[in-house]
């Protein structure tokens, strides 16, 4: 997360002013150097106060997002991302104290989008695995093994058949568990989308509020987003454990 002043100091326009100050100070007249540097400092200060630039500077570097080819999850993540971009624009349009109050909300919603991408990637992996699994075929194989067990007297053959059946039943149960987690991931994405829709409406409303009211309402929105992030982190841990256990 960059300091707004440091970020503003590296902007092309500010760097151009600084370069011109040094160039004219050295080639034309030395007294132009301090004047140019003062102009550079003033520009950096003004840029650093721009809410839009503050929002950009305070965002952590974007993580490399996974490529989602699944239509199921691509559709949901697109909806989440579109709403987050609208929130970002709404926050950037806020001015003065209200703009500064809304800056953390923009960052919180960005983090939720990253979480949404993470669980969508897991959902896509599960979906791809389940596409290769035929539960009816597994059930038929279990029934066939049961028939063999019913007519087998040899202890060794019986043991092998029982182990085969146990492996098939485990595979069947794993697939059913993964289907359950697909549903949970989709529900979590819908929850994120619904919350971001509410946050978008809140940011629009907050831009018309007075500073005192906005401060209280912004804290409430930030707390709801924080609670959702905690819930998402917990779900991620549960999902990771489940995937490790089912071993698709």
C-alpha atoms as a PDB file:
ATOM      1  CA  UNK A   1       0.000   0.000   0.000  1.00  0.00           C
ATOM      2  CA  UNK A   2       1.730   3.184  -1.187  1.00  0.00           C
ATOM      3  CA  UNK A   3       1.787   6.527   0.618  1.00  0.00           C
ATOM      4  CA  UNK A   4      -0.390   9.000  -1.391  1.00  0.00           C
ATOM      5  CA  UNK A   5       2.384  11.646  -1.363  1.00  0.00           C
ATOM      6  CA  UNK A   6       4.985   9.170  -2.596  1.00  0.00           C
ATOM      7  CA  UNK A   7       2.588   7.884  -5.236  1.00  0.00           C
ATOM      8  CA  UNK A   8       1.746  11.436  -6.374  1.00  0.00           C
ATOM      9  CA  UNK A   9       5.448  12.311  -6.568  1.00  0.00           C
ATOM     10  CA  UNK A  10       5.932   9.569  -9.174  1.00  0.00           C
ATOM     11  CA  UNK A  11       3.067  10.658 -11.444  1.00  0.00           C
ATOM     12  CA  UNK A  12       4.180  11.569 -15.005  1.00  0.00           C
ATOM     13  CA  UNK A  13       2.977  15.184 -14.836  1.00  0.00           C
ATOM     14  CA  UNK A  14       4.733  15.828 -11.531  1.00  0.00           C
ATOM     15  CA  UNK A  15       7.908  14.161 -12.771  1.00  0.00           C
ATOM     16  CA  UNK A  16       7.787  16.347 -15.889  1.00  0.00           C
ATOM     17  CA  UNK A  17       7.602  19.502 -13.756  1.00  0.00           C
ATOM     18  CA  UNK A  18      10.545  18.313 -11.641  1.00  0.00           C
ATOM     19  CA  UNK A  19      12.564  17.494 -14.742  1.00  0.00           C
ATOM     20  CA  UNK A  20      11.875  20.899 -16.279  1.00  0.00           C
ATOM     21  CA  UNK A  21      12.851  22.619 -13.016  1.00  0.00           C
ATOM     22  CA  UNK A  22      16.214  20.854 -12.961  1.00  0.00           C
ATOM     23  CA  UNK A  23      16.803  21.362 -16.696  1.00  0.00           C
ATOM     24  CA  UNK A  24      16.030  25.106 -16.710  1.00  0.00           C
ATOM     25  CA  UNK A  25      17.861  25.593 -13.422  1.00  0.00           C
ATOM     26  CA  UNK A  26      21.043  24.105 -14.833  1.00  0.00           C
ATOM     27  CA  UNK A  27      20.856  25.420 -18.421  1.00  0.00           C
ATOM     28  CA  UNK A  28      19.025  28.746 -18.182  1.00  0.00           C
ATOM     29  CA  UNK A  29      19.249  30.294 -14.730  1.00  0.00           C
ATOM     30  CA  UNK A  30      19.913  28.765 -11.346  1.00  0.00           C
ATOM     31  CA  UNK A  31      17.147  30.786  -9.676  1.00  0.00           C
ATOM     32  CA  UNK A  32      14.598  28.888 -11.755  1.00  0.00           C
ATOM     33  CA  UNK A  33      15.525  25.653  -9.935  1.00  0.00           C
ATOM     34  CA  UNK A  34      14.010  26.488  -6.500  1.00  0.00           C
ATOM     35  CA  UNK A  35      10.927  28.007  -8.168  1.00  0.00           C
ATOM     36  CA  UNK A  36      10.459  24.865 -10.250  1.00  0.00           C
ATOM     37  CA  UNK A  37      10.938  22.605  -7.239  1.00  0.00           C
ATOM     38  CA  UNK A  38       8.350  24.609  -5.297  1.00  0.00           C
ATOM     39  CA  UNK A  39       5.941  24.138  -8.201  1.00  0.00           C
ATOM     40  CA  UNK A  40       6.708  20.404  -8.140  1.00  0.00           C
ATOM     41  CA  UNK A  41       6.043  20.226  -4.386  1.00  0.00           C
ATOM     42  CA  UNK A  42       2.743  22.090  -4.775  1.00  0.00           C
ATOM     43  CA  UNK A  43       1.654  19.762  -7.564  1.00  0.00           C
ATOM     44  CA  UNK A  44       2.519  16.665  -5.499  1.00  0.00           C
ATOM     45  CA  UNK A  45       0.507  18.036  -2.560  1.00  0.00           C
ATOM     46  CA  UNK A  46      -2.543  18.726  -4.730  1.00  0.00           C
ATOM     47  CA  UNK A  47      -2.347  15.353  -6.470  1.00  0.00           C
ATOM     48  CA  UNK A  48      -2.059  13.568  -3.130  1.00  0.00           C
ATOM     49  CA  UNK A  49      -5.346  15.160  -2.044  1.00  0.00           C
ATOM     50  CA  UNK A  50      -7.196  13.828  -5.083  1.00  0.00           C
ATOM     51  CA  UNK A  51      -9.570  11.063  -3.793  1.00  0.00           C
ATOM     52  CA  UNK A  52      -9.278   9.101  -7.038  1.00  0.00           C
ATOM     53  CA  UNK A  53      -5.491   9.001  -6.845  1.00  0.00           C
ATOM     54  CA  UNK A  54      -5.667   8.199  -3.111  1.00  0.00           C
ATOM     55  CA  UNK A  55      -7.838   5.211  -3.878  1.00  0.00           C
ATOM     56  CA  UNK A  56      -5.388   3.924  -6.478  1.00  0.00           C
ATOM     57  CA  UNK A  57      -2.342   4.527  -4.276  1.00  0.00           C
ATOM     58  CA  UNK A  58      -3.852   2.726  -1.297  1.00  0.00           C
ATOM     59  CA  UNK A  59      -4.715  -0.392  -3.238  1.00  0.00           C
ATOM     60  CA  UNK A  60      -2.377  -3.313  -2.772  1.00  0.00           C
ATOM     61  CA  UNK A  61      -0.773  -4.645  -5.962  1.00  0.00           C
ATOM     62  CA  UNK A  62      -3.327  -6.779  -7.752  1.00  0.00           C
ATOM     63  CA  UNK A  63      -2.686 -10.464  -7.407  1.00  0.00           C
ATOM     64  CA  UNK A  64      -2.513 -12.575 -10.519  1.00  0.00           C
ATOM     65  CA  UNK A  65      -6.078 -13.726 -10.977  1.00  0.00           C
ATOM     66  CA  UNK A  66      -6.865 -17.231 -12.195  1.00  0.00           C
ATOM     67  CA  UNK A  67      -8.333 -17.733 -15.643  1.00  0.00           C
ATOM     68  CA  UNK A  68     -11.919 -18.874 -15.294  1.00  0.00           C
ATOM     69  CA  UNK A  69     -13.229 -20.825 -18.266  1.00  0.00           C
ATOM     70  CA  UNK A  70     -16.259 -22.298 -16.494  1.00  0.00           C
ATOM     71  CA  UNK A  71     -19.446 -20.508 -17.701  1.00  0.00           C
ATOM     72  CA  UNK A  72     -20.993 -21.157 -14.282  1.00  0.00           C
ATOM     73  CA  UNK A  73     -18.346 -19.294 -12.321  1.00  0.00           C
ATOM     74  CA  UNK A  74     -17.351 -16.822 -15.040  1.00  0.00           C
ATOM     75  CA  UNK A  75     -20.883 -15.405 -15.089  1.00  0.00           C
ATOM     76  CA  UNK A  76     -20.970 -14.974 -11.321  1.00  0.00           C
ATOM     77  CA  UNK A  77     -17.499 -13.479 -11.016  1.00  0.00           C
ATOM     78  CA  UNK A  78     -18.234 -11.035 -13.859  1.00  0.00           C
ATOM     79  CA  UNK A  79     -21.270  -9.749 -11.964  1.00  0.00           C
ATOM     80  CA  UNK A  80     -19.233  -9.358  -8.758  1.00  0.00           C
ATOM     81  CA  UNK A  81     -16.413  -7.563 -10.558  1.00  0.00           C
ATOM     82  CA  UNK A  82     -18.724  -5.171 -12.407  1.00  0.00           C
ATOM     83  CA  UNK A  83     -20.340  -4.077  -9.155  1.00  0.00           C
ATOM     84  CA  UNK A  84     -16.956  -3.589  -7.489  1.00  0.00           C
ATOM     85  CA  UNK A  85     -15.833  -1.376 -10.376  1.00  0.00           C
ATOM     86  CA  UNK A  86     -18.990   0.711  -9.999  1.00  0.00           C
ATOM     87  CA  UNK A  87     -18.236   1.064  -6.281  1.00  0.00           C
ATOM     88  CA  UNK A  88     -14.721   2.199  -7.118  1.00  0.00           C
ATOM     89  CA  UNK A  89     -16.050   4.844  -9.487  1.00  0.00           C
ATOM     90  CA  UNK A  90     -18.595   5.986  -6.917  1.00  0.00           C
ATOM     91  CA  UNK A  91     -15.897   6.295  -4.249  1.00  0.00           C
ATOM     92  CA  UNK A  92     -13.628   8.214  -6.631  1.00  0.00           C
ATOM     93  CA  UNK A  93     -16.400  10.710  -7.358  1.00  0.00           C
ATOM     94  CA  UNK A  94     -16.837  11.577  -3.674  1.00  0.00           C
ATOM     95  CA  UNK A  95     -15.113  14.798  -2.671  1.00  0.00           C
ATOM     96  CA  UNK A  96     -13.530  16.243   0.460  1.00  0.00           C
ATOM     97  CA  UNK A  97     -13.996  14.501   3.834  1.00  0.00           C
ATOM     98  CA  UNK A  98     -16.624  12.122   2.405  1.00  0.00           C
ATOM     99  CA  UNK A  99     -14.165  10.945  -0.242  1.00  0.00           C
ATOM    100  CA  UNK A 100     -11.528  10.212   2.381  1.00  0.00           C
ATOM    101  CA  UNK A 101     -14.061   8.320   4.517  1.00  0.00           C
ATOM    102  CA  UNK A 102     -15.030   6.106   1.583  1.00  0.00           C
ATOM    103  CA  UNK A 103     -11.484   5.191   0.531  1.00  0.00           C
ATOM    104  CA  UNK A 104     -11.195   2.113   2.824  1.00  0.00           C
ATOM    105  CA  UNK A 105     -14.479   0.762   1.464  1.00  0.00           C
ATOM    106  CA  UNK A 106     -13.036   0.690  -2.040  1.00  0.00           C
ATOM    107  CA  UNK A 107     -10.097  -1.383  -0.806  1.00  0.00           C
ATOM    108  CA  UNK A 108     -12.330  -3.758   1.187  1.00  0.00           C
ATOM    109  CA  UNK A 109     -14.500  -4.484  -1.839  1.00  0.00           C
ATOM    110  CA  UNK A 110     -11.396  -5.165  -3.939  1.00  0.00           C
ATOM    111  CA  UNK A 111     -10.277  -7.748  -1.377  1.00  0.00           C
ATOM    112  CA  UNK A 112     -13.679  -9.440  -1.592  1.00  0.00           C
ATOM    113  CA  UNK A 113     -13.310  -9.721  -5.360  1.00  0.00           C
ATOM    114  CA  UNK A 114      -9.941 -11.437  -4.846  1.00  0.00           C
ATOM    115  CA  UNK A 115     -11.647 -13.879  -2.444  1.00  0.00           C
ATOM    116  CA  UNK A 116     -14.386 -14.468  -5.006  1.00  0.00           C
ATOM    117  CA  UNK A 117     -11.785 -15.335  -7.641  1.00  0.00           C
ATOM    118  CA  UNK A 118     -10.066 -17.738  -5.243  1.00  0.00           C
ATOM    119  CA  UNK A 119     -13.193 -19.750  -4.428  1.00  0.00           C
ATOM    120  CA  UNK A 120     -14.323 -19.647  -8.073  1.00  0.00           C
ATOM    121  CA  UNK A 121     -11.027 -21.234  -9.101  1.00  0.00           C
ATOM    122  CA  UNK A 122     -11.607 -24.038  -6.586  1.00  0.00           C
ATOM    123  CA  UNK A 123     -15.160 -24.409  -7.834  1.00  0.00           C
ATOM    124  CA  UNK A 124     -13.906 -24.692 -11.398  1.00  0.00           C
ATOM    125  CA  UNK A 125     -11.455 -27.438 -10.385  1.00  0.00           C
ATOM    126  CA  UNK A 126     -14.245 -29.367  -8.668  1.00  0.00           C
ATOM    127  CA  UNK A 127     -16.600 -28.852 -11.607  1.00  0.00           C
ATOM    128  CA  UNK A 128     -13.974 -30.169 -14.033  1.00  0.00           C
ATOM    129  CA  UNK A 129     -13.426 -33.261 -11.889  1.00  0.00           C
ATOM    130  CA  UNK A 130     -17.142 -33.989 -11.508  1.00  0.00           C
ATOM    131  CA  UNK A 131     -17.595 -33.729 -15.285  1.00  0.00           C
ATOM    132  CA  UNK A 132     -15.455 -36.870 -15.562  1.00  0.00           C
ATOM    133  CA  UNK A 133     -17.387 -38.780 -12.903  1.00  0.00           C
ATOM    134  CA  UNK A 134     -20.435 -40.900 -13.715  1.00  0.00           C
ATOM    135  CA  UNK A 135     -22.226 -41.669 -10.445  1.00  0.00           C
ATOM    136  CA  UNK A 136     -24.593 -44.097 -12.142  1.00  0.00           C
ATOM    137  CA  UNK A 137     -21.638 -46.055 -13.471  1.00  0.00           C
ATOM    138  CA  UNK A 138     -20.051 -46.166 -10.014  1.00  0.00           C
ATOM    139  CA  UNK A 139     -23.311 -47.426  -8.504  1.00  0.00           C
ATOM    140  CA  UNK A 140     -23.567 -50.116 -11.160  1.00  0.00           C
ATOM    141  CA  UNK A 141     -20.015 -51.252 -10.383  1.00  0.00           C
ATOM    142  CA  UNK A 142     -20.838 -51.419  -6.670  1.00  0.00           C
ATOM    143  CA  UNK A 143     -23.895 -53.556  -7.409  1.00  0.00           C
ATOM    144  CA  UNK A 144     -21.841 -55.812  -9.669  1.00  0.00           C
ATOM    145  CA  UNK A 145     -19.255 -56.305  -6.907  1.00  0.00           C
ATOM    146  CA  UNK A 146     -22.050 -57.103  -4.445  1.00  0.00           C
ATOM    147  CA  UNK A 147     -23.272 -59.840  -6.779  1.00  0.00           C
ATOM    148  CA  UNK A 148     -19.760 -61.275  -6.995  1.00  0.00           C
ATOM    149  CA  UNK A 149     -19.429 -61.227  -3.210  1.00  0.00           C
ATOM    150  CA  UNK A 150     -22.694 -63.128  -2.946  1.00  0.00           C
ATOM    151  CA  UNK A 151     -21.397 -66.057  -5.001  1.00  0.00           C
ATOM    152  CA  UNK A 152     -17.755 -66.116  -3.792  1.00  0.00           C
ATOM    153  CA  UNK A 153     -16.455 -68.622  -1.234  1.00  0.00           C
ATOM    154  CA  UNK A 154     -12.728 -68.020  -1.588  1.00  0.00           C
ATOM    155  CA  UNK A 155     -11.495 -65.832   1.348  1.00  0.00           C
ATOM    156  CA  UNK A 156      -8.807 -64.066  -0.660  1.00  0.00           C
ATOM    157  CA  UNK A 157     -11.198 -63.234  -3.499  1.00  0.00           C
ATOM    158  CA  UNK A 158     -13.752 -62.079  -0.949  1.00  0.00           C
ATOM    159  CA  UNK A 159     -11.197 -59.707   0.657  1.00  0.00           C
ATOM    160  CA  UNK A 160     -10.241 -58.210  -2.679  1.00  0.00           C
ATOM    161  CA  UNK A 161     -13.849 -57.678  -3.650  1.00  0.00           C
ATOM    162  CA  UNK A 162     -14.624 -56.006  -0.314  1.00  0.00           C
ATOM    163  CA  UNK A 163     -11.667 -53.655  -0.695  1.00  0.00           C
ATOM    164  CA  UNK A 164     -12.805 -52.840  -4.233  1.00  0.00           C
ATOM    165  CA  UNK A 165     -16.303 -52.088  -2.983  1.00  0.00           C
ATOM    166  CA  UNK A 166     -14.978 -49.860  -0.188  1.00  0.00           C
ATOM    167  CA  UNK A 167     -12.899 -47.864  -2.703  1.00  0.00           C
ATOM    168  CA  UNK A 168     -15.901 -47.431  -5.006  1.00  0.00           C
ATOM    169  CA  UNK A 169     -18.141 -46.303  -2.147  1.00  0.00           C
ATOM    170  CA  UNK A 170     -15.510 -43.800  -1.028  1.00  0.00           C
ATOM    171  CA  UNK A 171     -15.239 -42.411  -4.568  1.00  0.00           C
ATOM    172  CA  UNK A 172     -19.011 -42.148  -4.750  1.00  0.00           C
ATOM    173  CA  UNK A 173     -19.221 -40.299  -1.437  1.00  0.00           C
ATOM    174  CA  UNK A 174     -16.368 -37.973  -2.372  1.00  0.00           C
ATOM    175  CA  UNK A 175     -18.199 -36.987  -5.557  1.00  0.00           C
ATOM    176  CA  UNK A 176     -21.390 -36.273  -3.622  1.00  0.00           C
ATOM    177  CA  UNK A 177     -19.453 -34.178  -1.096  1.00  0.00           C
ATOM    178  CA  UNK A 178     -17.875 -32.179  -3.915  1.00  0.00           C
ATOM    179  CA  UNK A 179     -21.321 -31.543  -5.418  1.00  0.00           C
ATOM    180  CA  UNK A 180     -22.343 -30.103  -2.059  1.00  0.00           C
ATOM    181  CA  UNK A 181     -19.325 -27.789  -2.055  1.00  0.00           C
ATOM    182  CA  UNK A 182     -20.105 -26.611  -5.577  1.00  0.00           C
ATOM    183  CA  UNK A 183     -23.476 -25.467  -4.259  1.00  0.00           C
ATOM    184  CA  UNK A 184     -21.867 -23.757  -1.271  1.00  0.00           C
ATOM    185  CA  UNK A 185     -19.392 -21.894  -3.476  1.00  0.00           C
ATOM    186  CA  UNK A 186     -22.189 -20.636  -5.708  1.00  0.00           C
ATOM    187  CA  UNK A 187     -24.170 -19.531  -2.657  1.00  0.00           C
ATOM    188  CA  UNK A 188     -21.129 -17.680  -1.295  1.00  0.00           C
ATOM    189  CA  UNK A 189     -20.637 -15.875  -4.611  1.00  0.00           C
ATOM    190  CA  UNK A 190     -24.286 -14.848  -4.603  1.00  0.00           C
ATOM    191  CA  UNK A 191     -23.818 -13.540  -1.053  1.00  0.00           C
ATOM    192  CA  UNK A 192     -20.820 -11.444  -2.137  1.00  0.00           C
ATOM    193  CA  UNK A 193     -22.736 -10.054  -5.117  1.00  0.00           C
ATOM    194  CA  UNK A 194     -25.733  -9.113  -2.971  1.00  0.00           C
ATOM    195  CA  UNK A 195     -23.545  -7.399  -0.372  1.00  0.00           C
ATOM    196  CA  UNK A 196     -21.628  -5.447  -3.007  1.00  0.00           C
ATOM    197  CA  UNK A 197     -24.920  -4.274  -4.540  1.00  0.00           C
ATOM    198  CA  UNK A 198     -25.888  -2.921  -1.118  1.00  0.00           C
ATOM    199  CA  UNK A 199     -22.483  -1.279  -0.676  1.00  0.00           C
ATOM    200  CA  UNK A 200     -22.828   0.444  -4.057  1.00  0.00           C
ATOM    201  CA  UNK A 201     -26.166   1.907  -2.982  1.00  0.00           C
ATOM    202  CA  UNK A 202     -24.633   2.971   0.342  1.00  0.00           C
ATOM    203  CA  UNK A 203     -21.729   4.789  -1.304  1.00  0.00           C
ATOM    204  CA  UNK A 204     -24.128   6.740  -3.516  1.00  0.00           C
ATOM    205  CA  UNK A 205     -26.220   7.672  -0.475  1.00  0.00           C
ATOM    206  CA  UNK A 206     -23.170   8.587   1.612  1.00  0.00           C
ATOM    207  CA  UNK A 207     -21.966  11.058  -1.006  1.00  0.00           C
ATOM    208  CA  UNK A 208     -25.010  13.215  -0.192  1.00  0.00           C
ATOM    209  CA  UNK A 209     -24.714  12.922   3.602  1.00  0.00           C
ATOM    210  CA  UNK A 210     -23.093  15.355   6.014  1.00  0.00           C
ATOM    211  CA  UNK A 211     -19.647  14.455   7.371  1.00  0.00           C
ATOM    212  CA  UNK A 212     -20.869  13.404  10.834  1.00  0.00           C
ATOM    213  CA  UNK A 213     -23.599  11.105   9.527  1.00  0.00           C
ATOM    214  CA  UNK A 214     -21.326   9.779   6.804  1.00  0.00           C
ATOM    215  CA  UNK A 215     -18.668   8.835   9.341  1.00  0.00           C
ATOM    216  CA  UNK A 216     -21.119   6.709  11.337  1.00  0.00           C
ATOM    217  CA  UNK A 217     -22.678   5.082   8.272  1.00  0.00           C
ATOM    218  CA  UNK A 218     -19.284   4.429   6.687  1.00  0.00           C
ATOM    219  CA  UNK A 219     -18.138   2.611   9.813  1.00  0.00           C
ATOM    220  CA  UNK A 220     -21.216   0.407   9.623  1.00  0.00           C
ATOM    221  CA  UNK A 221     -20.584  -0.446   5.976  1.00  0.00           C
ATOM    222  CA  UNK A 222     -16.905  -1.135   6.694  1.00  0.00           C
ATOM    223  CA  UNK A 223     -17.867  -3.445   9.568  1.00  0.00           C
ATOM    224  CA  UNK A 224     -20.277  -5.420   7.391  1.00  0.00           C
ATOM    225  CA  UNK A 225     -17.583  -5.843   4.762  1.00  0.00           C
ATOM    226  CA  UNK A 226     -15.098  -6.896   7.428  1.00  0.00           C
ATOM    227  CA  UNK A 227     -17.547  -9.494   8.778  1.00  0.00           C
ATOM    228  CA  UNK A 228     -18.088 -10.835   5.253  1.00  0.00           C
ATOM    229  CA  UNK A 229     -14.325 -11.061   4.724  1.00  0.00           C
ATOM    230  CA  UNK A 230     -13.963 -13.049   7.958  1.00  0.00           C
ATOM    231  CA  UNK A 231     -16.759 -15.359   6.816  1.00  0.00           C
ATOM    232  CA  UNK A 232     -15.042 -15.796   3.459  1.00  0.00           C
ATOM    233  CA  UNK A 233     -11.700 -16.625   5.078  1.00  0.00           C
ATOM    234  CA  UNK A 234     -13.408 -19.243   7.250  1.00  0.00           C
ATOM    235  CA  UNK A 235     -15.168 -20.745   4.231  1.00  0.00           C
ATOM    236  CA  UNK A 236     -11.859 -20.893   2.361  1.00  0.00           C
ATOM    237  CA  UNK A 237     -10.312 -22.928   5.188  1.00  0.00           C
ATOM    238  CA  UNK A 238     -13.268 -25.316   5.285  1.00  0.00           C
ATOM    239  CA  UNK A 239     -13.143 -25.698   1.508  1.00  0.00           C
ATOM    240  CA  UNK A 240      -9.384 -26.359   1.497  1.00  0.00           C
ATOM    241  CA  UNK A 241      -9.819 -29.032   4.170  1.00  0.00           C
ATOM    242  CA  UNK A 242     -12.662 -30.641   2.249  1.00  0.00           C
ATOM    243  CA  UNK A 243     -10.676 -30.713  -1.000  1.00  0.00           C
ATOM    244  CA  UNK A 244      -7.687 -32.243   0.766  1.00  0.00           C
ATOM    245  CA  UNK A 245      -9.946 -34.904   2.302  1.00  0.00           C
ATOM    246  CA  UNK A 246     -11.870 -35.801  -0.853  1.00  0.00           C
ATOM    247  CA  UNK A 247      -8.726 -35.835  -3.030  1.00  0.00           C
ATOM    248  CA  UNK A 248     -10.435 -35.382  -6.428  1.00  0.00           C
END
